[in-house]
PDB file of all heavy atoms in Angstrom:
ATOM      1  N   LEU A   1       0.795  -1.209   0.003  1.00  0.00           N
ATOM      2  CA  LEU A   1       0.020  -0.005   0.013  1.00  0.00           C
ATOM      3  C   LEU A   1       0.860   1.281  -0.019  1.00  0.00           C
ATOM      4  O   LEU A   1       0.534   2.264  -0.691  1.00  0.00           O
ATOM      5  CB  LEU A   1      -0.942  -0.030   1.199  1.00  0.00           C
ATOM      6  CG  LEU A   1      -2.056  -0.995   1.152  1.00  0.00           C
ATOM      7  CD1 LEU A   1      -2.901  -0.956   2.432  1.00  0.00           C
ATOM      8  CD2 LEU A   1      -2.944  -0.785  -0.041  1.00  0.00           C
ATOM      9  N   THR A   2       1.964   1.224   0.702  1.00  0.00           N
ATOM     10  CA  THR A   2       2.811   2.405   0.777  1.00  0.00           C
ATOM     11  C   THR A   2       3.476   2.637  -0.569  1.00  0.00           C
ATOM     12  O   THR A   2       3.502   3.814  -1.098  1.00  0.00           O
ATOM     13  CB  THR A   2       3.914   2.216   1.871  1.00  0.00           C
ATOM     14  OG1 THR A   2       3.297   1.921   3.076  1.00  0.00           O
ATOM     15  CG2 THR A   2       4.829   3.431   1.936  1.00  0.00           C
ATOM     16  N   ILE A   3       3.982   1.614  -1.204  1.00  0.00           N
ATOM     17  CA  ILE A   3       4.635   1.745  -2.508  1.00  0.00           C
ATOM     18  C   ILE A   3       3.615   2.227  -3.539  1.00  0.00           C
ATOM     19  O   ILE A   3       3.874   3.085  -4.360  1.00  0.00           O
ATOM     20  CB  ILE A   3       5.274   0.399  -2.905  1.00  0.00           C
ATOM     21  CG1 ILE A   3       6.480   0.117  -2.073  1.00  0.00           C
ATOM     22  CG2 ILE A   3       5.688   0.470  -4.402  1.00  0.00           C
ATOM     23  CD1 ILE A   3       7.053  -1.243  -2.257  1.00  0.00           C
ATOM     24  N   GLY A   4       2.413   1.608  -3.530  1.00  0.00           N
ATOM     25  CA  GLY A   4       1.366   1.990  -4.458  1.00  0.00           C
ATOM     26  C   GLY A   4       0.962   3.425  -4.281  1.00  0.00           C
ATOM     27  O   GLY A   4       0.794   4.194  -5.253  1.00  0.00           O
ATOM     28  N   GLY A   5       0.795   3.868  -3.031  1.00  0.00           N
ATOM     29  CA  GLY A   5       0.414   5.250  -2.763  1.00  0.00           C
ATOM     30  C   GLY A   5       1.462   6.226  -3.245  1.00  0.00           C
ATOM     31  O   GLY A   5       1.142   7.285  -3.816  1.00  0.00           O
ATOM     32  N   LEU A   6       2.697   5.950  -2.936  1.00  0.00           N
ATOM     33  CA  LEU A   6       3.798   6.882  -3.356  1.00  0.00           C
ATOM     34  C   LEU A   6       3.923   6.953  -4.887  1.00  0.00           C
ATOM     35  O   LEU A   6       4.124   8.049  -5.437  1.00  0.00           O
ATOM     36  CB  LEU A   6       5.079   6.456  -2.712  1.00  0.00           C
ATOM     37  CG  LEU A   6       5.235   6.676  -1.220  1.00  0.00           C
ATOM     38  CD1 LEU A   6       6.514   6.109  -0.669  1.00  0.00           C
ATOM     39  CD2 LEU A   6       5.093   8.191  -0.889  1.00  0.00           C
ATOM     40  N   LEU A   7       3.818   5.792  -5.526  1.00  0.00           N
ATOM     41  CA  LEU A   7       3.911   5.816  -6.979  1.00  0.00           C
ATOM     42  C   LEU A   7       2.690   6.550  -7.628  1.00  0.00           C
ATOM     43  O   LEU A   7       2.823   7.262  -8.591  1.00  0.00           O
ATOM     44  CB  LEU A   7       4.026   4.390  -7.538  1.00  0.00           C
ATOM     45  CG  LEU A   7       5.389   3.720  -7.319  1.00  0.00           C
ATOM     46  CD1 LEU A   7       5.302   2.288  -7.754  1.00  0.00           C
ATOM     47  CD2 LEU A   7       6.464   4.437  -8.050  1.00  0.00           C
ATOM     48  N   PHE A   8       1.528   6.389  -7.039  1.00  0.00           N
ATOM     49  CA  PHE A   8       0.367   7.083  -7.518  1.00  0.00           C
ATOM     50  C   PHE A   8       0.503   8.547  -7.344  1.00  0.00           C
ATOM     51  O   PHE A   8       0.180   9.336  -8.230  1.00  0.00           O
ATOM     52  CB  PHE A   8      -0.929   6.572  -6.797  1.00  0.00           C
ATOM     53  CG  PHE A   8      -2.174   7.321  -7.183  1.00  0.00           C
ATOM     54  CD1 PHE A   8      -2.780   7.049  -8.408  1.00  0.00           C
ATOM     55  CD2 PHE A   8      -2.711   8.302  -6.401  1.00  0.00           C
ATOM     56  CE1 PHE A   8      -3.889   7.757  -8.823  1.00  0.00           C
ATOM     57  CE2 PHE A   8      -3.828   8.997  -6.777  1.00  0.00           C
ATOM     58  CZ  PHE A   8      -4.445   8.714  -7.966  1.00  0.00           C
ATOM     59  N   LEU A   9       0.992   9.002  -6.165  1.00  0.00           N
ATOM     60  CA  LEU A   9       1.242  10.414  -5.953  1.00  0.00           C
ATOM     61  C   LEU A   9       2.263  10.982  -6.914  1.00  0.00           C
ATOM     62  O   LEU A   9       2.083  12.097  -7.491  1.00  0.00           O
ATOM     63  CB  LEU A   9       1.688  10.656  -4.482  1.00  0.00           C
ATOM     64  CG  LEU A   9       1.939  12.093  -4.077  1.00  0.00           C
ATOM     65  CD1 LEU A   9       0.604  12.885  -4.148  1.00  0.00           C
ATOM     66  CD2 LEU A   9       2.550  12.131  -2.724  1.00  0.00           C
ATOM     67  N   ALA A  10       3.340  10.238  -7.157  1.00  0.00           N
ATOM     68  CA  ALA A  10       4.360  10.700  -8.074  1.00  0.00           C
ATOM     69  C   ALA A  10       3.792  10.827  -9.504  1.00  0.00           C
ATOM     70  O   ALA A  10       4.079  11.784 -10.246  1.00  0.00           O
ATOM     71  CB  ALA A  10       5.545   9.758  -8.065  1.00  0.00           C
ATOM     72  N   ALA A  11       2.984   9.835  -9.879  1.00  0.00           N
ATOM     73  CA  ALA A  11       2.380   9.909 -11.226  1.00  0.00           C
ATOM     74  C   ALA A  11       1.391  11.051 -11.318  1.00  0.00           C
ATOM     75  O   ALA A  11       1.325  11.725 -12.376  1.00  0.00           O
ATOM     76  CB  ALA A  11       1.655   8.551 -11.520  1.00  0.00           C
ATOM     77  N   LEU A  12       0.610  11.350 -10.304  1.00  0.00           N
ATOM     78  CA  LEU A  12      -0.296  12.453 -10.346  1.00  0.00           C
ATOM     79  C   LEU A  12       0.462  13.754 -10.456  1.00  0.00           C
ATOM     80  O   LEU A  12       0.066  14.618 -11.294  1.00  0.00           O
ATOM     81  CB  LEU A  12      -1.153  12.431  -9.033  1.00  0.00           C
ATOM     82  CG  LEU A  12      -2.233  13.469  -8.972  1.00  0.00           C
ATOM     83  CD1 LEU A  12      -3.298  13.232 -10.027  1.00  0.00           C
ATOM     84  CD2 LEU A  12      -2.846  13.507  -7.593  1.00  0.00           C
ATOM     85  N   LEU A  13       1.500  13.934  -9.709  1.00  0.00           N
ATOM     86  CA  LEU A  13       2.283  15.184  -9.809  1.00  0.00           C
ATOM     87  C   LEU A  13       2.952  15.343 -11.169  1.00  0.00           C
ATOM     88  O   LEU A  13       3.025  16.408 -11.705  1.00  0.00           O
ATOM     89  CB  LEU A  13       3.314  15.250  -8.686  1.00  0.00           C
ATOM     90  CG  LEU A  13       2.790  15.386  -7.263  1.00  0.00           C
ATOM     91  CD1 LEU A  13       3.846  15.272  -6.232  1.00  0.00           C
ATOM     92  CD2 LEU A  13       2.065  16.722  -7.114  1.00  0.00           C
ATOM     93  N   THR A  14       3.352  14.186 -11.716  1.00  0.00           N
ATOM     94  CA  THR A  14       3.975  14.213 -13.043  1.00  0.00           C
ATOM     95  C   THR A  14       2.958  14.617 -14.126  1.00  0.00           C
ATOM     96  O   THR A  14       3.249  15.331 -15.035  1.00  0.00           O
ATOM     97  CB  THR A  14       4.639  12.880 -13.367  1.00  0.00           C
ATOM     98  OG1 THR A  14       5.559  12.573 -12.318  1.00  0.00           O
ATOM     99  CG2 THR A  14       5.335  12.884 -14.696  1.00  0.00           C
ATOM    100  N   LEU A  15       1.748  14.095 -13.986  1.00  0.00           N
ATOM    101  CA  LEU A  15       0.677  14.452 -14.936  1.00  0.00           C
ATOM    102  C   LEU A  15       0.337  15.941 -14.868  1.00  0.00           C
ATOM    103  O   LEU A  15       0.022  16.553 -15.894  1.00  0.00           O
ATOM    104  CB  LEU A  15      -0.548  13.597 -14.704  1.00  0.00           C
ATOM    105  CG  LEU A  15      -0.495  12.158 -15.159  1.00  0.00           C
ATOM    106  CD1 LEU A  15      -1.716  11.360 -14.716  1.00  0.00           C
ATOM    107  CD2 LEU A  15      -0.350  12.077 -16.650  1.00  0.00           C
ATOM    108  N   ILE A  16       0.397  16.511 -13.659  1.00  0.00           N
ATOM    109  CA  ILE A  16       0.231  17.947 -13.541  1.00  0.00           C
ATOM    110  C   ILE A  16       1.324  18.682 -14.261  1.00  0.00           C
ATOM    111  O   ILE A  16       1.037  19.687 -14.997  1.00  0.00           O
ATOM    112  CB  ILE A  16       0.119  18.317 -12.032  1.00  0.00           C
ATOM    113  CG1 ILE A  16      -1.138  17.750 -11.426  1.00  0.00           C
ATOM    114  CG2 ILE A  16       0.186  19.844 -11.875  1.00  0.00           C
ATOM    115  CD1 ILE A  16      -1.210  17.870  -9.927  1.00  0.00           C
ATOM    116  N   ARG A  17       2.541  18.239 -14.147  1.00  0.00           N
ATOM    117  CA  ARG A  17       3.661  18.913 -14.839  1.00  0.00           C
ATOM    118  C   ARG A  17       3.522  18.754 -16.332  1.00  0.00           C
ATOM    119  O   ARG A  17       3.814  19.693 -17.087  1.00  0.00           O
ATOM    120  CB  ARG A  17       4.973  18.323 -14.384  1.00  0.00           C
ATOM    121  CG  ARG A  17       6.206  18.806 -15.125  1.00  0.00           C
ATOM    122  CD  ARG A  17       6.333  20.265 -15.236  1.00  0.00           C
ATOM    123  NE  ARG A  17       6.451  20.935 -14.012  1.00  0.00           N
ATOM    124  CZ  ARG A  17       6.406  22.285 -13.870  1.00  0.00           C
ATOM    125  NH1 ARG A  17       6.202  23.033 -14.920  1.00  0.00           N
ATOM    126  NH2 ARG A  17       6.527  22.825 -12.682  1.00  0.00           N
ATOM    127  N   ILE A  18       3.019  17.623 -16.802  1.00  0.00           N
ATOM    128  CA  ILE A  18       2.811  17.457 -18.277  1.00  0.00           C
ATOM    129  C   ILE A  18       1.708  18.461 -18.736  1.00  0.00           C
ATOM    130  O   ILE A  18       1.844  19.040 -19.788  1.00  0.00           O
ATOM    131  CB  ILE A  18       2.441  16.015 -18.575  1.00  0.00           C
ATOM    132  CG1 ILE A  18       3.639  15.078 -18.386  1.00  0.00           C
ATOM    133  CG2 ILE A  18       1.937  15.901 -20.024  1.00  0.00           C
ATOM    134  CD1 ILE A  18       3.299  13.619 -18.504  1.00  0.00           C
ATOM    135  N   THR A  19       0.715  18.598 -17.918  1.00  0.00           N
ATOM    136  CA  THR A  19      -0.413  19.471 -18.316  1.00  0.00           C
ATOM    137  C   THR A  19      -0.052  20.970 -18.347  1.00  0.00           C
ATOM    138  O   THR A  19      -0.358  21.647 -19.297  1.00  0.00           O
ATOM    139  CB  THR A  19      -1.594  19.282 -17.312  1.00  0.00           C
ATOM    140  OG1 THR A  19      -1.919  17.895 -17.265  1.00  0.00           O
ATOM    141  CG2 THR A  19      -2.777  20.071 -17.742  1.00  0.00           C
ATOM    142  N   ILE A  20       0.674  21.429 -17.304  1.00  0.00           N
ATOM    143  CA  ILE A  20       0.950  22.869 -17.260  1.00  0.00           C
ATOM    144  C   ILE A  20       2.217  23.275 -17.983  1.00  0.00           C
ATOM    145  O   ILE A  20       2.433  24.494 -18.201  1.00  0.00           O
ATOM    146  CB  ILE A  20       0.958  23.364 -15.830  1.00  0.00           C
ATOM    147  CG1 ILE A  20       2.082  22.713 -14.997  1.00  0.00           C
ATOM    148  CG2 ILE A  20      -0.382  23.196 -15.167  1.00  0.00           C
ATOM    149  CD1 ILE A  20       2.166  23.301 -13.579  1.00  0.00           C
ATOM    150  N   GLY A  21       3.063  22.339 -18.289  1.00  0.00           N
ATOM    151  CA  GLY A  21       4.263  22.665 -19.113  1.00  0.00           C
ATOM    152  C   GLY A  21       5.345  23.398 -18.350  1.00  0.00           C
ATOM    153  O   GLY A  21       5.830  22.905 -17.384  1.00  0.00           O
ATOM    154  N   PRO A  22       5.744  24.597 -18.716  1.00  0.00           N
ATOM    155  CA  PRO A  22       5.272  25.467 -19.820  1.00  0.00           C
ATOM    156  C   PRO A  22       5.968  25.184 -21.183  1.00  0.00           C
ATOM    157  O   PRO A  22       5.454  25.634 -22.163  1.00  0.00           O
ATOM    158  CB  PRO A  22       5.638  26.854 -19.269  1.00  0.00           C
ATOM    159  CG  PRO A  22       6.816  26.641 -18.451  1.00  0.00           C
ATOM    160  CD  PRO A  22       6.643  25.277 -17.865  1.00  0.00           C
ATOM    161  N   SER A  23       7.107  24.554 -21.199  1.00  0.00           N
ATOM    162  CA  SER A  23       7.784  24.351 -22.443  1.00  0.00           C
ATOM    163  C   SER A  23       7.652  22.882 -22.908  1.00  0.00           C
ATOM    164  O   SER A  23       7.279  22.007 -22.125  1.00  0.00           O
ATOM    165  CB  SER A  23       9.268  24.756 -22.405  1.00  0.00           C
ATOM    166  OG  SER A  23       9.948  23.850 -21.572  1.00  0.00           O
ATOM    167  N   VAL A  24       8.062  22.669 -24.159  1.00  0.00           N
ATOM    168  CA  VAL A  24       8.062  21.282 -24.697  1.00  0.00           C
ATOM    169  C   VAL A  24       9.043  20.432 -23.940  1.00  0.00           C
ATOM    170  O   VAL A  24       8.728  19.281 -23.640  1.00  0.00           O
ATOM    171  CB  VAL A  24       8.389  21.329 -26.210  1.00  0.00           C
ATOM    172  CG1 VAL A  24       8.557  19.957 -26.738  1.00  0.00           C
ATOM    173  CG2 VAL A  24       7.328  22.051 -26.963  1.00  0.00           C
ATOM    174  N   LEU A  25      10.188  20.990 -23.601  1.00  0.00           N
ATOM    175  CA  LEU A  25      11.211  20.182 -22.905  1.00  0.00           C
ATOM    176  C   LEU A  25      10.698  19.776 -21.501  1.00  0.00           C
ATOM    177  O   LEU A  25      11.021  18.712 -21.035  1.00  0.00           O
ATOM    178  CB  LEU A  25      12.510  20.955 -22.825  1.00  0.00           C
ATOM    179  CG  LEU A  25      13.220  21.090 -24.184  1.00  0.00           C
ATOM    180  CD1 LEU A  25      14.507  21.891 -23.977  1.00  0.00           C
ATOM    181  CD2 LEU A  25      13.545  19.751 -24.776  1.00  0.00           C
ATOM    182  N   ASP A  26       9.980  20.660 -20.859  1.00  0.00           N
ATOM    183  CA  ASP A  26       9.409  20.288 -19.526  1.00  0.00           C
ATOM    184  C   ASP A  26       8.438  19.113 -19.693  1.00  0.00           C
ATOM    185  O   ASP A  26       8.420  18.207 -18.859  1.00  0.00           O
ATOM    186  CB  ASP A  26       8.670  21.467 -18.898  1.00  0.00           C
ATOM    187  CG  ASP A  26       9.598  22.574 -18.441  1.00  0.00           C
ATOM    188  OD1 ASP A  26      10.729  22.294 -18.073  1.00  0.00           O
ATOM    189  OD2 ASP A  26       9.179  23.770 -18.394  1.00  0.00           O
ATOM    190  N   ARG A  27       7.630  19.198 -20.704  1.00  0.00           N
ATOM    191  CA  ARG A  27       6.693  18.061 -20.927  1.00  0.00           C
ATOM    192  C   ARG A  27       7.412  16.759 -21.278  1.00  0.00           C
ATOM    193  O   ARG A  27       6.985  15.672 -20.921  1.00  0.00           O
ATOM    194  CB  ARG A  27       5.693  18.482 -22.039  1.00  0.00           C
ATOM    195  CG  ARG A  27       4.744  19.529 -21.563  1.00  0.00           C
ATOM    196  CD  ARG A  27       3.707  19.842 -22.653  1.00  0.00           C
ATOM    197  NE  ARG A  27       2.674  20.734 -22.117  1.00  0.00           N
ATOM    198  CZ  ARG A  27       2.640  22.029 -22.353  1.00  0.00           C
ATOM    199  NH1 ARG A  27       3.535  22.602 -23.119  1.00  0.00           N
ATOM    200  NH2 ARG A  27       1.665  22.748 -21.834  1.00  0.00           N
ATOM    201  N   VAL A  28       8.501  16.856 -22.053  1.00  0.00           N
ATOM    202  CA  VAL A  28       9.225  15.672 -22.432  1.00  0.00           C
ATOM    203  C   VAL A  28       9.888  15.020 -21.179  1.00  0.00           C
ATOM    204  O   VAL A  28       9.828  13.802 -21.000  1.00  0.00           O
ATOM    205  CB  VAL A  28      10.254  15.954 -23.525  1.00  0.00           C
ATOM    206  CG1 VAL A  28      11.192  14.829 -23.746  1.00  0.00           C
ATOM    207  CG2 VAL A  28       9.570  16.338 -24.775  1.00  0.00           C
ATOM    208  N   VAL A  29      10.483  15.875 -20.368  1.00  0.00           N
ATOM    209  CA  VAL A  29      11.097  15.332 -19.121  1.00  0.00           C
ATOM    210  C   VAL A  29      10.067  14.728 -18.222  1.00  0.00           C
ATOM    211  O   VAL A  29      10.245  13.646 -17.634  1.00  0.00           O
ATOM    212  CB  VAL A  29      11.857  16.483 -18.418  1.00  0.00           C
ATOM    213  CG1 VAL A  29      12.320  16.034 -17.026  1.00  0.00           C
ATOM    214  CG2 VAL A  29      13.102  16.903 -19.239  1.00  0.00           C
ATOM    215  N   ALA A  30       8.890  15.371 -18.123  1.00  0.00           N
ATOM    216  CA  ALA A  30       7.823  14.820 -17.277  1.00  0.00           C
ATOM    217  C   ALA A  30       7.299  13.497 -17.853  1.00  0.00           C
ATOM    218  O   ALA A  30       6.972  12.587 -17.120  1.00  0.00           O
ATOM    219  CB  ALA A  30       6.679  15.841 -17.157  1.00  0.00           C
ATOM    220  N   THR A  31       7.221  13.427 -19.157  1.00  0.00           N
ATOM    221  CA  THR A  31       6.756  12.150 -19.771  1.00  0.00           C
ATOM    222  C   THR A  31       7.797  11.037 -19.516  1.00  0.00           C
ATOM    223  O   THR A  31       7.441   9.885 -19.238  1.00  0.00           O
ATOM    224  CB  THR A  31       6.560  12.350 -21.275  1.00  0.00           C
ATOM    225  OG1 THR A  31       5.636  13.411 -21.447  1.00  0.00           O
ATOM    226  CG2 THR A  31       6.009  11.077 -21.917  1.00  0.00           C
ATOM    227  N   ASP A  32       9.062  11.394 -19.569  1.00  0.00           N
ATOM    228  CA  ASP A  32      10.114  10.374 -19.284  1.00  0.00           C
ATOM    229  C   ASP A  32      10.057   9.978 -17.835  1.00  0.00           C
ATOM    230  O   ASP A  32      10.213   8.771 -17.499  1.00  0.00           O
ATOM    231  CB  ASP A  32      11.519  10.984 -19.581  1.00  0.00           C
ATOM    232  CG  ASP A  32      12.572   9.936 -19.640  1.00  0.00           C
ATOM    233  OD1 ASP A  32      12.242   8.789 -20.015  1.00  0.00           O
ATOM    234  OD2 ASP A  32      13.726  10.263 -19.374  1.00  0.00           O
ATOM    235  N   VAL A  33       9.750  10.878 -16.950  1.00  0.00           N
ATOM    236  CA  VAL A  33       9.594  10.549 -15.519  1.00  0.00           C
ATOM    237  C   VAL A  33       8.362   9.650 -15.331  1.00  0.00           C
ATOM    238  O   VAL A  33       8.424   8.694 -14.543  1.00  0.00           O
ATOM    239  CB  VAL A  33       9.456  11.825 -14.678  1.00  0.00           C
ATOM    240  CG1 VAL A  33       9.035  11.495 -13.258  1.00  0.00           C
ATOM    241  CG2 VAL A  33      10.771  12.553 -14.633  1.00  0.00           C
ATOM    242  N   LEU A  34       7.289   9.932 -16.059  1.00  0.00           N
ATOM    243  CA  LEU A  34       6.097   9.100 -15.986  1.00  0.00           C
ATOM    244  C   LEU A  34       6.386   7.684 -16.453  1.00  0.00           C
ATOM    245  O   LEU A  34       5.940   6.685 -15.842  1.00  0.00           O
ATOM    246  CB  LEU A  34       4.936   9.694 -16.773  1.00  0.00           C
ATOM    247  CG  LEU A  34       3.604   9.008 -16.625  1.00  0.00           C
ATOM    248  CD1 LEU A  34       3.117   9.080 -15.166  1.00  0.00           C
ATOM    249  CD2 LEU A  34       2.566   9.671 -17.539  1.00  0.00           C
ATOM    250  N   VAL A  35       7.152   7.522 -17.497  1.00  0.00           N
ATOM    251  CA  VAL A  35       7.519   6.164 -17.981  1.00  0.00           C
ATOM    252  C   VAL A  35       8.385   5.454 -16.892  1.00  0.00           C
ATOM    253  O   VAL A  35       8.218   4.305 -16.649  1.00  0.00           O
ATOM    254  CB  VAL A  35       8.270   6.281 -19.323  1.00  0.00           C
ATOM    255  CG1 VAL A  35       8.918   4.961 -19.692  1.00  0.00           C
ATOM    256  CG2 VAL A  35       7.384   6.724 -20.427  1.00  0.00           C
ATOM    257  N   SER A  36       9.281   6.242 -16.257  1.00  0.00           N
ATOM    258  CA  SER A  36      10.088   5.648 -15.160  1.00  0.00           C
ATOM    259  C   SER A  36       9.248   5.218 -13.985  1.00  0.00           C
ATOM    260  O   SER A  36       9.508   4.179 -13.363  1.00  0.00           O
ATOM    261  CB  SER A  36      11.133   6.667 -14.698  1.00  0.00           C
ATOM    262  OG  SER A  36      11.968   7.076 -15.721  1.00  0.00           O
ATOM    263  N   ILE A  37       8.181   5.986 -13.687  1.00  0.00           N
ATOM    264  CA  ILE A  37       7.272   5.606 -12.624  1.00  0.00           C
ATOM    265  C   ILE A  37       6.541   4.320 -12.937  1.00  0.00           C
ATOM    266  O   ILE A  37       6.357   3.444 -12.118  1.00  0.00           O
ATOM    267  CB  ILE A  37       6.333   6.767 -12.317  1.00  0.00           C
ATOM    268  CG1 ILE A  37       7.088   7.935 -11.659  1.00  0.00           C
ATOM    269  CG2 ILE A  37       5.186   6.269 -11.356  1.00  0.00           C
ATOM    270  CD1 ILE A  37       6.234   9.203 -11.578  1.00  0.00           C
ATOM    271  N   VAL A  38       6.122   4.183 -14.217  1.00  0.00           N
ATOM    272  CA  VAL A  38       5.430   2.971 -14.632  1.00  0.00           C
ATOM    273  C   VAL A  38       6.407   1.747 -14.529  1.00  0.00           C
ATOM    274  O   VAL A  38       6.010   0.662 -14.113  1.00  0.00           O
ATOM    275  CB  VAL A  38       4.845   3.154 -16.051  1.00  0.00           C
ATOM    276  CG1 VAL A  38       4.381   1.817 -16.618  1.00  0.00           C
ATOM    277  CG2 VAL A  38       3.734   4.178 -16.013  1.00  0.00           C
ATOM    278  N   VAL A  39       7.651   1.979 -14.934  1.00  0.00           N
ATOM    279  CA  VAL A  39       8.664   0.901 -14.871  1.00  0.00           C
ATOM    280  C   VAL A  39       8.887   0.536 -13.391  1.00  0.00           C
ATOM    281  O   VAL A  39       8.950  -0.661 -13.077  1.00  0.00           O
ATOM    282  CB  VAL A  39       9.987   1.338 -15.503  1.00  0.00           C
ATOM    283  CG1 VAL A  39      11.087   0.380 -15.165  1.00  0.00           C
ATOM    284  CG2 VAL A  39       9.803   1.440 -17.027  1.00  0.00           C
TER     285      VAL A  39
END
């Protein structure tokens, strides 16, 4: 439960970063972080 909750929180914060940007490189880095969270 702890691992799942922390990974969910990290994914949620990463999705917020993907949404608000502000630049393309910020979104790319956030997408890479999201892939790392899924891994």
